Amino acid sequence: MNTSRVGLIEKGALLEALNAGYPGRAEIDVFEVEPLTDPNDLLLSHPNLIATLNVGFVTEDEFDLQFSDMFDQVNAYAQGAPIHMINPKVWTSSG
């Protein structure tokens, strides 16, 4: 589930839930602190979490640039060689 509003989830609740196995996996695009670039962050580095881009209001040029980059990232992932990973050590090719 992606609420797009970090304030709707109690601080620490998602990490606690993922560690307990409920939900089994999560995908989010908003964090309490942004940009989140610390590869040691327990939520960001959780093996059952997928972090995606959050695209709020942007100019048309920025929108084109972001979606071009996202397209490149999806293609790289599909080819088994993801790019622009914050925490590449959680990646496994069996994955």
Protein backbone atom coordinates (compact mmCIF):
# COMPACT_ATOMS: atom_id res chain seq x y z
CA MET A 1 0.00 0.00 0.00
CA ASN A 2 1.24 3.46 -0.82
CA THR A 3 -0.56 6.22 1.05
CA SER A 4 1.53 9.04 -0.45
CA ARG A 5 1.28 10.71 2.94
CA VAL A 6 3.92 9.73 5.47
CA GLY A 7 1.88 11.26 8.31
CA LEU A 8 -0.85 8.64 7.91
CA ILE A 9 1.45 5.94 9.28
CA GLU A 10 2.64 6.12 12.88
CA LYS A 11 6.40 6.65 13.15
CA GLY A 12 8.13 3.27 13.32
CA ALA A 13 4.93 1.30 12.66
CA LEU A 14 5.81 0.20 9.13
CA LEU A 15 9.26 -1.03 10.14
CA GLU A 16 7.77 -2.90 13.10
CA ALA A 17 5.09 -4.44 10.87
CA LEU A 18 7.59 -5.50 8.20
CA ASN A 19 9.77 -7.12 10.86
CA ALA A 20 6.70 -9.02 12.12
CA GLY A 21 5.78 -10.15 8.61
CA TYR A 22 2.57 -8.10 8.28
CA PRO A 23 2.63 -6.80 5.62
CA GLY A 24 5.01 -9.16 3.93
CA ARG A 25 6.20 -6.40 1.61
CA ALA A 26 5.66 -2.68 1.20
CA GLU A 27 6.23 -0.03 -1.43
CA ILE A 28 6.40 3.60 -0.39
CA ASP A 29 7.39 6.84 -2.05
CA VAL A 30 7.40 9.21 0.93
CA PHE A 31 9.62 9.16 4.01
CA GLU A 32 9.61 11.27 7.16
CA VAL A 33 12.99 12.74 6.23
CA GLU A 34 13.63 13.54 2.59
CA PRO A 35 15.74 13.03 0.73
CA LEU A 36 16.50 9.79 2.52
CA THR A 37 20.03 8.83 1.52
CA ASP A 38 21.34 6.95 4.56
CA PRO A 39 21.88 3.33 3.43
CA ASN A 40 21.92 2.32 7.12
CA ASP A 41 18.35 3.52 7.67
CA LEU A 42 16.52 0.42 8.92
CA LEU A 43 13.39 1.05 6.83
CA LEU A 44 15.21 1.98 3.63
CA SER A 45 17.51 -1.05 3.89
CA HIS A 46 14.70 -3.50 4.79
CA PRO A 47 14.69 -6.39 2.29
CA ASN A 48 10.88 -6.32 2.05
CA LEU A 49 10.57 -2.63 1.23
CA ILE A 50 10.62 -1.09 -2.21
CA ALA A 51 11.25 2.65 -2.26
CA THR A 52 10.00 4.49 -5.34
CA LEU A 53 10.15 8.04 -6.57
CA ASN A 54 7.67 10.61 -5.32
CA VAL A 55 6.76 13.05 -8.06
CA GLY A 56 4.94 16.07 -6.70
CA PHE A 57 4.48 19.32 -8.57
CA VAL A 58 7.24 19.77 -11.14
CA THR A 59 7.81 21.69 -14.35
CA GLU A 60 7.19 19.95 -17.67
CA ASP A 61 10.94 19.74 -18.33
CA GLU A 62 11.59 18.21 -14.90
CA PHE A 63 8.69 15.82 -15.40
CA ASP A 64 10.23 14.62 -18.70
CA LEU A 65 13.65 14.25 -17.07
CA GLN A 66 12.28 12.30 -14.09
CA PHE A 67 10.22 9.91 -16.19
CA SER A 68 13.12 9.33 -18.55
CA ASP A 69 15.28 8.43 -15.54
CA MET A 70 12.55 6.17 -14.11
CA PHE A 71 12.21 4.44 -17.48
CA ASP A 72 15.97 3.83 -17.54
CA GLN A 73 15.84 2.44 -13.99
CA VAL A 74 12.96 0.06 -14.75
CA ASN A 75 14.72 -1.22 -17.88
CA ALA A 76 17.99 -1.70 -16.00
CA TYR A 77 16.17 -3.61 -13.25
CA ALA A 78 14.40 -5.80 -15.82
CA GLN A 79 17.79 -6.60 -17.36
CA GLY A 80 19.13 -7.67 -13.96
CA ALA A 81 21.45 -4.69 -13.52
CA PRO A 82 19.64 -2.02 -11.46
CA ILE A 83 21.07 1.51 -11.42
CA HIS A 84 20.97 4.42 -8.97
CA MET A 85 20.51 2.16 -5.94
CA ILE A 86 21.01 3.77 -2.54
CA ASN A 87 21.72 0.42 -0.88
CA PRO A 88 23.01 -2.01 -3.51
CA LYS A 89 24.07 -4.63 -0.96
CA VAL A 90 20.42 -5.69 -0.52
CA TRP A 91 20.17 -6.56 -4.22
CA THR A 92 20.43 -10.18 -5.26
CA SER A 93 20.09 -11.35 -8.83
CA SER A 94 17.71 -14.09 -7.68
CA GLY A 95 15.44 -11.42 -6.53
